[in-house]
Amino acid sequence: MTAKGERARRIAWRVALGVASLITVLCITLLFAAIRNDDAIAAQLGTATAQVDSVSFDRTIIHYETPDGIVHSPSNGVLYPAGLVAGQLVRIEYDTSDPELARVAGRSAALTVLPLGTTILITWLVAGPLLWWIRLQNSRVKAETAENPEPAEAAA
């Protein structure tokens, strides 16, 4: 095969490895961010009853009142909202120094381990064989080139 083909396989290998590595790093970073949020809430824990205003794919909006009488509605929604429905009353825990940071009571970053772990596993189940196949193609081409070297061009 040509040098172009070898270069294309090399680029494909690097792209596949880069994308899989990036997804892995993002998942691990997300886990650490969830742990950090939980630690911040636990450090200055406040509890309240919140009403679920809306549930969508990317966030669940709630509103609740803190003991000082201020109603809060975290713009990024509540953490760990699985199973909530609009209109539902739910116990929440929030960071008293930052009431925008709230989670459903009794839930923690441990809930993120399964989806993030599954994402990493599926990523490498796809990337691993792809990387192996690209390397195999490179090996085959090199073996074929070694067995059948192209005739050298005659000097003019």
Protein backbone atom coordinates (compact mmCIF):
# COMPACT_ATOMS: atom_id res chain seq x y z
CA MET A 1 0.00 0.00 0.00
CA THR A 2 1.07 3.59 -0.41
CA ALA A 3 2.57 5.95 2.08
CA LYS A 4 -0.76 7.81 2.03
CA GLY A 5 -2.55 4.70 3.27
CA GLU A 6 -0.02 4.19 6.04
CA ARG A 7 -0.31 7.82 7.06
CA ALA A 8 -4.12 7.61 7.05
CA ARG A 9 -4.03 4.51 9.30
CA ARG A 10 -1.57 6.20 11.64
CA ILE A 11 -3.84 9.26 11.88
CA ALA A 12 -6.91 7.06 12.40
CA TRP A 13 -5.12 5.18 15.20
CA ARG A 14 -4.16 8.43 16.93
CA VAL A 15 -7.67 9.87 16.55
CA ALA A 16 -9.31 6.72 17.95
CA LEU A 17 -6.89 6.65 20.88
CA GLY A 18 -7.34 10.38 21.48
CA VAL A 19 -11.14 10.25 21.45
CA ALA A 20 -11.26 7.22 23.76
CA SER A 21 -8.76 8.83 26.12
CA LEU A 22 -10.66 12.13 26.10
CA ILE A 23 -13.95 10.41 26.95
CA THR A 24 -12.22 8.54 29.77
CA VAL A 25 -10.68 11.72 31.20
CA LEU A 26 -14.01 13.56 30.96
CA CYS A 27 -15.81 10.78 32.82
CA ILE A 28 -13.21 10.68 35.57
CA THR A 29 -13.32 14.48 35.85
CA LEU A 30 -17.11 14.36 36.11
CA LEU A 31 -16.87 11.83 38.94
CA PHE A 32 -14.43 14.05 40.85
CA ALA A 33 -16.69 17.08 40.26
CA ALA A 34 -19.66 15.18 41.70
CA ILE A 35 -17.58 14.20 44.74
CA ARG A 36 -16.48 17.82 45.20
CA ASN A 37 -20.11 19.01 45.02
CA ASP A 38 -21.15 16.41 47.59
CA ASP A 39 -18.31 17.47 49.89
CA ALA A 40 -19.34 21.13 49.59
CA ILE A 41 -22.94 20.27 50.47
CA ALA A 42 -21.87 18.05 53.39
CA ALA A 43 -19.54 20.75 54.76
CA GLN A 44 -22.40 23.25 55.23
CA LEU A 45 -25.50 21.10 55.11
CA GLY A 46 -28.95 22.60 54.94
CA THR A 47 -32.17 20.66 54.33
CA ALA A 48 -35.48 21.72 52.87
CA THR A 49 -38.53 20.46 51.06
CA ALA A 50 -38.55 21.45 47.41
CA GLN A 51 -41.16 21.32 44.71
CA VAL A 52 -40.16 19.96 41.32
CA ASP A 53 -41.09 22.57 38.69
CA SER A 54 -39.95 20.84 35.51
CA VAL A 55 -38.10 17.74 34.41
CA SER A 56 -36.16 17.65 31.16
CA PHE A 57 -33.33 15.64 29.66
CA ASP A 58 -30.53 17.90 30.88
CA ARG A 59 -31.85 19.17 34.22
CA THR A 60 -34.63 19.10 36.78
CA ILE A 61 -35.71 22.52 38.04
CA ILE A 62 -36.88 22.85 41.64
CA HIS A 63 -37.69 25.67 44.02
CA TYR A 64 -37.40 25.72 47.77
CA GLU A 65 -37.36 28.14 50.67
CA THR A 66 -34.42 28.48 53.05
CA PRO A 67 -34.92 29.27 56.76
CA ASP A 68 -34.22 32.98 56.07
CA GLY A 69 -37.37 33.09 53.89
CA ILE A 70 -35.63 33.37 50.52
CA VAL A 71 -36.96 31.16 47.72
CA HIS A 72 -34.20 29.54 45.65
CA SER A 73 -34.42 27.86 42.28
CA PRO A 74 -31.00 26.52 41.21
CA SER A 75 -30.48 27.49 37.57
CA ASN A 76 -28.57 24.28 36.85
CA GLY A 77 -31.22 22.17 38.53
CA VAL A 78 -30.90 19.65 41.33
CA LEU A 79 -28.19 16.98 41.49
CA TYR A 80 -29.18 13.28 41.12
CA PRO A 81 -32.77 13.88 39.97
CA ALA A 82 -33.56 10.36 38.70
CA GLY A 83 -37.20 9.43 39.15
CA LEU A 84 -38.54 12.90 39.94
CA VAL A 85 -41.71 14.19 38.27
CA ALA A 86 -43.07 17.72 37.93
CA GLY A 87 -45.21 18.79 40.88
CA GLN A 88 -43.60 16.34 43.29
CA LEU A 89 -42.40 17.43 46.73
CA VAL A 90 -38.94 16.13 47.55
CA ARG A 91 -36.50 16.47 50.45
CA ILE A 92 -33.26 18.12 49.38
CA GLU A 93 -29.90 18.89 50.90
CA TYR A 94 -28.12 22.09 49.91
CA ASP A 95 -24.96 24.04 50.62
CA THR A 96 -25.95 26.84 53.00
CA SER A 97 -23.15 29.06 51.67
CA ASP A 98 -24.30 28.45 48.07
CA PRO A 99 -28.02 27.54 47.92
CA GLU A 100 -27.70 27.09 44.15
CA LEU A 101 -25.93 23.78 44.91
CA ALA A 102 -28.64 21.28 45.89
CA ARG A 103 -29.12 17.52 45.68
CA VAL A 104 -31.96 15.14 46.40
CA ALA A 105 -31.62 14.02 50.03
CA GLY A 106 -29.96 10.64 50.50
CA ARG A 107 -28.36 10.60 47.05
CA SER A 108 -24.65 11.03 46.37
CA ALA A 109 -21.86 10.85 43.82
CA ALA A 110 -22.00 7.06 44.15
CA LEU A 111 -24.94 7.23 41.71
CA THR A 112 -22.60 8.52 39.01
CA VAL A 113 -20.19 5.57 39.20
CA LEU A 114 -22.36 3.12 37.23
CA PRO A 115 -23.21 5.38 34.25
CA LEU A 116 -19.69 6.78 34.04
CA GLY A 117 -18.11 3.35 34.41
CA THR A 118 -20.40 1.97 31.73
CA THR A 119 -19.51 4.85 29.41
CA ILE A 120 -15.79 4.20 29.90
CA LEU A 121 -16.27 0.45 29.40
CA ILE A 122 -18.26 0.84 26.18
CA THR A 123 -15.78 3.42 24.89
CA TRP A 124 -12.86 1.03 25.31
CA LEU A 125 -14.88 -1.96 24.06
CA VAL A 126 -15.26 -0.02 20.81
CA ALA A 127 -11.83 1.65 20.75
CA GLY A 128 -9.81 -1.43 21.75
CA PRO A 129 -10.79 -3.63 18.79
CA LEU A 130 -10.61 -0.62 16.46
CA LEU A 131 -7.06 0.17 17.58
CA TRP A 132 -6.12 -3.51 17.28
CA TRP A 133 -7.61 -3.73 13.76
CA ILE A 134 -5.73 -0.61 12.60
CA ARG A 135 -2.46 -2.02 13.97
CA LEU A 136 -3.20 -5.35 12.27
CA GLN A 137 -3.71 -3.58 8.94
CA ASN A 138 -0.37 -1.79 9.35
CA SER A 139 1.37 -5.09 10.15
CA ARG A 140 -0.16 -6.80 7.10
CA VAL A 141 0.89 -3.99 4.79
CA LYS A 142 4.44 -4.02 6.18
CA ALA A 143 4.63 -7.80 5.78
CA GLU A 144 3.37 -7.62 2.20
CA THR A 145 5.86 -4.86 1.41
CA ALA A 146 8.71 -6.91 2.87
CA GLU A 147 7.72 -9.99 0.80
CA ASN A 148 7.12 -8.13 -2.46
CA PRO A 149 9.33 -5.06 -2.54
CA GLU A 150 8.40 -2.64 -5.27
CA PRO A 151 10.93 -2.59 -8.11
CA ALA A 152 13.32 0.29 -7.88
CA GLU A 153 13.07 2.79 -10.66
CA ALA A 154 15.94 2.68 -13.13
CA ALA A 155 18.24 5.66 -13.13
CA ALA A 156 17.95 7.69 -16.29
